Structures are given as structure tokens and as C-alpha cells.
Amino acid sequence: MNVAVPVLDGRVSPVFDVAQTVVVVELEGGRELRRYLVPLRSLDVLQRVRDLSQHGVDVLICGAVSWPLEAALGAAGIRVIPQTCGLVEEVLGAFLTGGLDDRAFLMPGCCGRRRHGWGGGGRGQRGSGGGRRGGNQRRPMRG
């Protein structure tokens, strides 16, 4: 499994849409095999998805992420765990031990809930709607 985390100064970058670098961690059997940095040179939604897909990313752990980008990632089969903050090393450790639900890793202002959306959407089931305004309703994607 390959996990990507946008990084800024050793912490999870607060907004994935404008992050310039992700660390990709290759995991096997709960063990880290290797890690490397991938520059994100485009702000284009589809190019960001292609960049992650080219590196075999299965899971993206990130801070804030726009609705169109989250939907595109999910459509590409990338599970998104949004609204995560903290030191990258601590976040990865928590992911490996199943501890990302700890409030210490929840972005400020998220009211104790994560948004659950496309592609498995983090902690919940697809379509649970989590912290999005309007409850469980989804806005249609615009082309």
C-alpha cells in the first residue's frame, strides 16, 4: 500500500489543493519499505490526481481538500482521509496503529467530526456526509 501525505515544514500541509510536495510511503504488512518526496507542480485537479496515481498512491492523508479534488481522487480509487493535522511522522505512526481518530490529529474547527466522502472517505462509509453543510446531501459535480 502506498500512502501520501502533503508536507510543509515537517507537518501535514494545511490545504492539499495548493501543496507543493507530498511524501509517499510504501508500506507492506504494516512496515515501511521506503519513502520519497514527489513534487506537485500543477494546481490542476486532474494533474494532481495523475501525479498521485503515477506513484501508486492508495491513501491520501491530508488537511483541507476542495470538494472537486476530493471527488476526483475518489473516482481514481484513492481513499482520502481529510482534515488531518500534525507532524508527518506522528500522523504516519497513528495511521499505522489505527490512531488517526485521536482528536489531536483533527484540524482545528472541525467540531470533532471528519468529512466522509468519496473513495471510502476516511473513517466512514461512502456517502455518510460527515461534516459537510446540509447534512448528508451531496452537491452535484459541475463539468
N, C-alpha and C. Protein backbone atom coordinates (compact mmCIF):
# COMPACT_ATOMS: atom_id res chain seq x y z
N MET A 1 0.85 -1.17 0.00
CA MET A 1 0.00 0.00 0.00
C MET A 1 0.89 1.23 0.00
N ASN A 2 0.52 2.23 -0.80
CA ASN A 2 1.24 3.50 -0.82
C ASN A 2 0.38 4.59 -0.21
N VAL A 3 0.95 5.30 0.76
CA VAL A 3 0.26 6.38 1.45
C VAL A 3 0.97 7.67 1.13
N ALA A 4 0.22 8.70 0.78
CA ALA A 4 0.80 10.02 0.50
C ALA A 4 0.31 11.02 1.54
N VAL A 5 1.21 11.92 1.93
CA VAL A 5 0.88 12.98 2.87
C VAL A 5 1.51 14.27 2.33
N PRO A 6 0.70 15.32 2.08
CA PRO A 6 1.30 16.59 1.68
C PRO A 6 2.07 17.17 2.86
N VAL A 7 3.26 17.67 2.59
CA VAL A 7 4.14 18.09 3.67
C VAL A 7 4.57 19.55 3.50
N LEU A 8 4.62 20.25 4.63
CA LEU A 8 5.11 21.62 4.68
C LEU A 8 5.82 21.79 6.02
N ASP A 9 7.12 21.97 5.97
CA ASP A 9 7.92 22.15 7.19
C ASP A 9 7.74 21.02 8.19
N GLY A 10 7.69 19.78 7.69
CA GLY A 10 7.59 18.62 8.57
C GLY A 10 6.20 18.32 9.09
N ARG A 11 5.23 19.14 8.72
CA ARG A 11 3.85 18.95 9.17
C ARG A 11 2.96 18.65 7.96
N VAL A 12 1.75 18.14 8.23
CA VAL A 12 0.77 17.94 7.16
C VAL A 12 0.41 19.32 6.62
N SER A 13 0.58 19.50 5.32
CA SER A 13 0.24 20.78 4.69
C SER A 13 -1.23 21.08 4.92
N PRO A 14 -1.59 22.30 5.31
CA PRO A 14 -2.97 22.59 5.69
C PRO A 14 -4.00 22.49 4.57
N VAL A 15 -3.59 22.71 3.30
CA VAL A 15 -4.54 22.66 2.18
C VAL A 15 -3.90 21.86 1.04
N PHE A 16 -4.44 20.69 0.76
CA PHE A 16 -3.85 19.84 -0.27
C PHE A 16 -3.89 20.48 -1.65
N ASP A 17 -4.92 21.23 -1.95
CA ASP A 17 -5.08 21.82 -3.28
C ASP A 17 -3.89 22.67 -3.71
N VAL A 18 -3.17 23.25 -2.77
CA VAL A 18 -2.03 24.11 -3.10
C VAL A 18 -0.70 23.58 -2.56
N ALA A 19 -0.71 22.38 -2.03
CA ALA A 19 0.53 21.79 -1.51
C ALA A 19 1.53 21.60 -2.64
N GLN A 20 2.79 21.80 -2.35
CA GLN A 20 3.83 21.69 -3.38
C GLN A 20 4.55 20.36 -3.36
N THR A 21 4.44 19.61 -2.26
CA THR A 21 5.17 18.35 -2.14
C THR A 21 4.36 17.36 -1.31
N VAL A 22 4.43 16.09 -1.71
CA VAL A 22 3.88 15.01 -0.88
C VAL A 22 5.01 14.03 -0.59
N VAL A 23 4.94 13.41 0.57
CA VAL A 23 5.82 12.30 0.86
C VAL A 23 5.00 11.04 0.58
N VAL A 24 5.57 10.13 -0.20
CA VAL A 24 4.93 8.85 -0.49
C VAL A 24 5.65 7.79 0.32
N VAL A 25 4.88 7.03 1.08
CA VAL A 25 5.43 5.98 1.93
C VAL A 25 4.89 4.65 1.43
N GLU A 26 5.79 3.76 1.05
CA GLU A 26 5.40 2.42 0.62
C GLU A 26 5.37 1.52 1.85
N LEU A 27 4.21 0.89 2.07
CA LEU A 27 4.02 0.03 3.23
C LEU A 27 3.71 -1.39 2.78
N GLU A 28 4.20 -2.34 3.56
CA GLU A 28 3.86 -3.74 3.32
C GLU A 28 3.75 -4.43 4.68
N GLY A 29 2.60 -5.01 4.94
CA GLY A 29 2.40 -5.69 6.22
C GLY A 29 2.59 -4.79 7.42
N GLY A 30 2.19 -3.51 7.28
CA GLY A 30 2.32 -2.56 8.38
C GLY A 30 3.73 -2.05 8.61
N ARG A 31 4.64 -2.39 7.69
CA ARG A 31 6.04 -1.94 7.78
C ARG A 31 6.37 -1.00 6.65
N GLU A 32 7.14 0.01 6.95
CA GLU A 32 7.59 0.94 5.92
C GLU A 32 8.74 0.33 5.13
N LEU A 33 8.56 0.28 3.81
CA LEU A 33 9.62 -0.23 2.93
C LEU A 33 10.54 0.89 2.47
N ARG A 34 9.91 1.99 2.06
CA ARG A 34 10.70 3.16 1.65
C ARG A 34 9.78 4.37 1.59
N ARG A 35 10.40 5.54 1.50
CA ARG A 35 9.65 6.78 1.34
C ARG A 35 10.43 7.70 0.43
N TYR A 36 9.70 8.58 -0.25
CA TYR A 36 10.32 9.55 -1.15
C TYR A 36 9.39 10.73 -1.34
N LEU A 37 9.96 11.86 -1.74
CA LEU A 37 9.19 13.08 -1.97
C LEU A 37 8.79 13.18 -3.43
N VAL A 38 7.58 13.66 -3.66
CA VAL A 38 7.07 13.88 -5.01
C VAL A 38 6.63 15.34 -5.10
N PRO A 39 7.26 16.11 -6.01
CA PRO A 39 6.82 17.49 -6.18
C PRO A 39 5.49 17.54 -6.95
N LEU A 40 4.61 18.43 -6.53
CA LEU A 40 3.35 18.67 -7.23
C LEU A 40 3.48 20.02 -7.92
N ARG A 41 3.63 20.00 -9.21
CA ARG A 41 3.95 21.23 -9.94
C ARG A 41 2.73 21.94 -10.52
N SER A 42 1.58 21.28 -10.49
CA SER A 42 0.39 21.87 -11.09
C SER A 42 -0.71 22.00 -10.05
N LEU A 43 -1.52 23.06 -10.20
CA LEU A 43 -2.70 23.23 -9.35
C LEU A 43 -3.94 22.59 -9.99
N ASP A 44 -3.79 22.11 -11.22
CA ASP A 44 -4.90 21.48 -11.93
C ASP A 44 -5.34 20.21 -11.21
N VAL A 45 -6.64 20.10 -10.97
CA VAL A 45 -7.20 18.97 -10.21
C VAL A 45 -6.81 17.64 -10.84
N LEU A 46 -7.04 17.49 -12.12
CA LEU A 46 -6.77 16.20 -12.76
C LEU A 46 -5.28 15.88 -12.80
N GLN A 47 -4.43 16.89 -12.93
CA GLN A 47 -2.99 16.64 -12.92
C GLN A 47 -2.53 16.17 -11.54
N ARG A 48 -3.11 16.74 -10.49
CA ARG A 48 -2.76 16.30 -9.13
C ARG A 48 -3.14 14.83 -8.93
N VAL A 49 -4.31 14.46 -9.43
CA VAL A 49 -4.75 13.07 -9.32
C VAL A 49 -3.80 12.17 -10.12
N ARG A 50 -3.42 12.59 -11.33
CA ARG A 50 -2.48 11.80 -12.15
C ARG A 50 -1.14 11.64 -11.44
N ASP A 51 -0.66 12.74 -10.82
CA ASP A 51 0.63 12.68 -10.12
C ASP A 51 0.60 11.61 -9.03
N LEU A 52 -0.47 11.57 -8.24
CA LEU A 52 -0.57 10.58 -7.18
C LEU A 52 -0.75 9.18 -7.76
N SER A 53 -1.58 9.05 -8.78
CA SER A 53 -1.82 7.75 -9.40
C SER A 53 -0.55 7.16 -10.00
N GLN A 54 0.29 8.01 -10.60
CA GLN A 54 1.54 7.54 -11.20
C GLN A 54 2.47 6.93 -10.16
N HIS A 55 2.29 7.31 -8.92
CA HIS A 55 3.13 6.78 -7.85
C HIS A 55 2.40 5.69 -7.05
N GLY A 56 1.29 5.21 -7.59
CA GLY A 56 0.56 4.10 -6.98
C GLY A 56 -0.04 4.41 -5.62
N VAL A 57 -0.40 5.68 -5.40
CA VAL A 57 -0.96 6.08 -4.10
C VAL A 57 -2.35 5.46 -3.92
N ASP A 58 -2.53 4.80 -2.78
CA ASP A 58 -3.81 4.19 -2.42
C ASP A 58 -4.57 5.05 -1.44
N VAL A 59 -3.83 5.76 -0.56
CA VAL A 59 -4.43 6.56 0.51
C VAL A 59 -3.75 7.92 0.55
N LEU A 60 -4.54 8.97 0.64
CA LEU A 60 -4.03 10.32 0.84
C LEU A 60 -4.51 10.81 2.20
N ILE A 61 -3.56 11.13 3.07
CA ILE A 61 -3.88 11.72 4.37
C ILE A 61 -3.56 13.20 4.22
N CYS A 62 -4.55 14.07 4.41
CA CYS A 62 -4.32 15.49 4.14
C CYS A 62 -5.10 16.37 5.09
N GLY A 63 -4.84 17.66 5.00
CA GLY A 63 -5.60 18.66 5.74
C GLY A 63 -6.88 18.95 4.96
N ALA A 64 -7.13 20.20 4.70
CA ALA A 64 -8.30 20.58 3.92
C ALA A 64 -8.10 20.17 2.45
N VAL A 65 -9.20 19.85 1.79
CA VAL A 65 -9.17 19.49 0.38
C VAL A 65 -10.50 19.95 -0.22
N SER A 66 -10.43 20.53 -1.41
CA SER A 66 -11.65 21.01 -2.05
C SER A 66 -12.53 19.83 -2.47
N TRP A 67 -13.81 20.12 -2.58
CA TRP A 67 -14.77 19.11 -2.98
C TRP A 67 -14.43 18.51 -4.36
N PRO A 68 -14.14 19.32 -5.41
CA PRO A 68 -13.82 18.73 -6.71
C PRO A 68 -12.58 17.83 -6.67
N LEU A 69 -11.56 18.24 -5.94
CA LEU A 69 -10.35 17.43 -5.88
C LEU A 69 -10.60 16.14 -5.10
N GLU A 70 -11.33 16.22 -4.00
CA GLU A 70 -11.64 15.02 -3.24
C GLU A 70 -12.45 14.03 -4.08
N ALA A 71 -13.41 14.54 -4.84
CA ALA A 71 -14.23 13.68 -5.70
C ALA A 71 -13.38 13.03 -6.79
N ALA A 72 -12.48 13.79 -7.39
CA ALA A 72 -11.61 13.25 -8.45
C ALA A 72 -10.67 12.18 -7.89
N LEU A 73 -10.15 12.40 -6.70
CA LEU A 73 -9.29 11.40 -6.06
C LEU A 73 -10.07 10.11 -5.80
N GLY A 74 -11.27 10.25 -5.28
CA GLY A 74 -12.11 9.08 -5.02
C GLY A 74 -12.44 8.33 -6.29
N ALA A 75 -12.73 9.07 -7.36
CA ALA A 75 -13.04 8.44 -8.65
C ALA A 75 -11.85 7.66 -9.19
N ALA A 76 -10.64 8.09 -8.81
CA ALA A 76 -9.42 7.41 -9.25
C ALA A 76 -9.06 6.25 -8.32
N GLY A 77 -9.89 6.01 -7.29
CA GLY A 77 -9.64 4.91 -6.38
C GLY A 77 -8.71 5.23 -5.23
N ILE A 78 -8.47 6.52 -5.00
CA ILE A 78 -7.60 6.94 -3.90
C ILE A 78 -8.48 7.30 -2.70
N ARG A 79 -8.28 6.60 -1.60
CA ARG A 79 -9.01 6.88 -0.36
C ARG A 79 -8.46 8.15 0.26
N VAL A 80 -9.34 9.07 0.62
CA VAL A 80 -8.93 10.35 1.19
C VAL A 80 -9.28 10.38 2.68
N ILE A 81 -8.28 10.70 3.50
CA ILE A 81 -8.50 10.91 4.93
C ILE A 81 -8.22 12.39 5.17
N PRO A 82 -9.26 13.23 5.09
CA PRO A 82 -9.07 14.68 5.16
C PRO A 82 -9.08 15.21 6.59
N GLN A 83 -8.85 16.51 6.68
CA GLN A 83 -8.94 17.28 7.92
C GLN A 83 -7.99 16.76 8.99
N THR A 84 -6.80 16.35 8.53
CA THR A 84 -5.78 15.82 9.42
C THR A 84 -4.67 16.84 9.57
N CYS A 85 -4.18 17.00 10.79
CA CYS A 85 -3.07 17.92 11.03
C CYS A 85 -2.06 17.26 11.95
N GLY A 86 -0.87 17.85 12.01
CA GLY A 86 0.17 17.36 12.90
C GLY A 86 1.48 17.12 12.20
N LEU A 87 2.45 16.67 12.96
CA LEU A 87 3.75 16.31 12.39
C LEU A 87 3.58 15.07 11.53
N VAL A 88 4.20 15.07 10.36
CA VAL A 88 4.04 13.96 9.42
C VAL A 88 4.41 12.63 10.07
N GLU A 89 5.51 12.61 10.80
CA GLU A 89 5.93 11.36 11.45
C GLU A 89 4.88 10.83 12.42
N GLU A 90 4.29 11.72 13.21
CA GLU A 90 3.27 11.31 14.17
C GLU A 90 1.99 10.86 13.47
N VAL A 91 1.62 11.55 12.41
CA VAL A 91 0.43 11.20 11.64
C VAL A 91 0.60 9.82 11.00
N LEU A 92 1.76 9.58 10.41
CA LEU A 92 2.01 8.27 9.79
C LEU A 92 2.00 7.17 10.85
N GLY A 93 2.61 7.43 11.99
CA GLY A 93 2.60 6.46 13.08
C GLY A 93 1.19 6.15 13.54
N ALA A 94 0.37 7.19 13.66
CA ALA A 94 -1.02 7.00 14.07
C ALA A 94 -1.79 6.22 13.01
N PHE A 95 -1.53 6.49 11.75
CA PHE A 95 -2.20 5.75 10.67
C PHE A 95 -1.87 4.26 10.78
N LEU A 96 -0.60 3.95 11.01
CA LEU A 96 -0.17 2.55 11.08
C LEU A 96 -0.76 1.82 12.27
N THR A 97 -1.04 2.52 13.36
CA THR A 97 -1.57 1.89 14.56
C THR A 97 -3.08 2.07 14.71
N GLY A 98 -3.72 2.69 13.72
CA GLY A 98 -5.16 2.91 13.78
C GLY A 98 -5.58 4.03 14.70
N GLY A 99 -4.65 4.95 14.99
CA GLY A 99 -4.93 6.01 15.94
C GLY A 99 -5.24 7.37 15.35
N LEU A 100 -5.53 7.45 14.05
CA LEU A 100 -5.80 8.76 13.45
C LEU A 100 -7.11 9.37 13.92
N ASP A 101 -7.96 8.61 14.56
CA ASP A 101 -9.22 9.16 15.08
C ASP A 101 -9.00 10.02 16.32
N ASP A 102 -7.80 10.01 16.86
CA ASP A 102 -7.48 10.83 18.03
C ASP A 102 -7.69 12.30 17.67
N ARG A 103 -8.37 13.03 18.52
CA ARG A 103 -8.66 14.46 18.27
C ARG A 103 -7.40 15.29 18.05
N ALA A 104 -6.27 14.82 18.55
CA ALA A 104 -5.01 15.55 18.37
C ALA A 104 -4.65 15.70 16.90
N PHE A 105 -5.17 14.83 16.04
CA PHE A 105 -4.86 14.87 14.61
C PHE A 105 -5.96 15.52 13.78
N LEU A 106 -7.00 16.02 14.43
CA LEU A 106 -8.12 16.65 13.74
C LEU A 106 -7.85 18.15 13.61
N MET A 107 -8.01 18.67 12.40
CA MET A 107 -7.77 20.09 12.18
C MET A 107 -8.66 20.93 13.09
N PRO A 108 -8.14 22.06 13.58
CA PRO A 108 -8.96 22.95 14.42
C PRO A 108 -10.22 23.39 13.67
N GLY A 109 -11.32 23.50 14.40
CA GLY A 109 -12.57 23.97 13.80
C GLY A 109 -13.40 22.88 13.15
N CYS A 110 -12.97 21.63 13.28
CA CYS A 110 -13.70 20.53 12.63
C CYS A 110 -14.77 19.91 13.53
N CYS A 111 -15.00 20.46 14.68
CA CYS A 111 -16.09 20.06 15.58
C CYS A 111 -16.09 18.58 15.90
N GLY A 112 -14.93 17.97 15.95
CA GLY A 112 -14.84 16.58 16.35
C GLY A 112 -15.29 15.57 15.31
N ARG A 113 -15.62 16.03 14.08
CA ARG A 113 -16.05 15.11 13.04
C ARG A 113 -15.19 15.32 11.81
N ARG A 114 -14.92 14.25 11.11
CA ARG A 114 -14.23 14.33 9.82
C ARG A 114 -15.27 14.25 8.72
N ARG A 115 -14.96 14.87 7.62
CA ARG A 115 -15.84 14.77 6.46
C ARG A 115 -15.59 13.41 5.83
N HIS A 116 -16.66 12.68 5.57
CA HIS A 116 -16.56 11.37 4.95
C HIS A 116 -17.11 11.48 3.55
N GLY A 117 -16.31 11.19 2.57
CA GLY A 117 -16.77 11.40 1.21
C GLY A 117 -16.41 10.28 0.26
N TRP A 118 -15.92 10.65 -0.86
CA TRP A 118 -15.65 9.72 -1.96
C TRP A 118 -14.51 8.78 -1.63
N GLY A 119 -14.49 7.64 -2.32
CA GLY A 119 -13.38 6.71 -2.26
C GLY A 119 -13.15 6.11 -0.90
N GLY A 120 -14.19 5.86 -0.14
CA GLY A 120 -14.02 5.33 1.20
C GLY A 120 -13.96 6.44 2.21
N GLY A 121 -13.61 7.64 1.75
CA GLY A 121 -13.69 8.88 2.50
C GLY A 121 -13.18 8.88 3.91
N GLY A 122 -12.05 8.29 4.16
CA GLY A 122 -11.51 8.37 5.51
C GLY A 122 -12.12 7.35 6.43
N ARG A 123 -12.78 7.79 7.47
CA ARG A 123 -13.19 6.91 8.54
C ARG A 123 -14.56 6.26 8.33
N GLY A 124 -15.40 6.84 7.49
CA GLY A 124 -16.78 6.36 7.40
C GLY A 124 -17.06 5.61 6.12
N GLN A 125 -18.31 5.33 5.93
CA GLN A 125 -18.73 4.66 4.73
C GLN A 125 -19.04 5.70 3.66
N ARG A 126 -18.91 5.30 2.43
CA ARG A 126 -19.18 6.18 1.31
C ARG A 126 -20.57 6.80 1.45
N GLY A 127 -20.59 8.12 1.32
CA GLY A 127 -21.87 8.81 1.34
C GLY A 127 -22.37 9.19 2.71
N SER A 128 -21.56 9.07 3.74
CA SER A 128 -22.06 9.39 5.07
C SER A 128 -22.18 10.88 5.32
N GLY A 129 -21.49 11.69 4.51
CA GLY A 129 -21.70 13.14 4.56
C GLY A 129 -21.02 13.89 5.67
N GLY A 130 -20.69 13.27 6.76
CA GLY A 130 -19.90 13.83 7.85
C GLY A 130 -20.15 15.29 8.16
N GLY A 131 -19.12 16.12 8.04
CA GLY A 131 -19.21 17.49 8.47
C GLY A 131 -19.60 18.49 7.40
N ARG A 132 -20.11 18.07 6.29
CA ARG A 132 -20.48 18.98 5.20
C ARG A 132 -21.78 19.67 5.52
N ARG A 133 -21.84 20.98 5.21
CA ARG A 133 -23.08 21.71 5.40
C ARG A 133 -24.20 21.05 4.63
N GLY A 134 -25.38 21.04 5.21
CA GLY A 134 -26.52 20.43 4.53
C GLY A 134 -26.66 18.95 4.85
N GLY A 135 -25.95 18.49 5.87
CA GLY A 135 -26.10 17.10 6.28
C GLY A 135 -25.52 16.13 5.29
N ASN A 136 -26.30 15.11 4.95
CA ASN A 136 -25.82 14.04 4.09
C ASN A 136 -26.03 14.32 2.61
N GLN A 137 -26.55 15.46 2.26
CA GLN A 137 -26.80 15.77 0.87
C GLN A 137 -25.51 16.07 0.16
N ARG A 138 -25.43 15.67 -1.10
CA ARG A 138 -24.25 15.93 -1.92
C ARG A 138 -24.62 16.96 -2.98
N ARG A 139 -23.66 17.81 -3.25
CA ARG A 139 -23.86 18.74 -4.34
C ARG A 139 -23.44 18.06 -5.64
N PRO A 140 -24.15 18.29 -6.74
CA PRO A 140 -23.74 17.68 -8.00
C PRO A 140 -22.42 18.30 -8.48
N MET A 141 -21.60 17.47 -9.11
CA MET A 141 -20.34 17.98 -9.66
C MET A 141 -20.64 18.78 -10.91
N ARG A 142 -19.88 19.81 -11.09
CA ARG A 142 -20.03 20.62 -12.30
C ARG A 142 -18.94 20.24 -13.27
N GLY A 143 -19.28 20.20 -14.54
CA GLY A 143 -18.32 19.80 -15.57
C GLY A 143 -17.61 20.90 -16.12
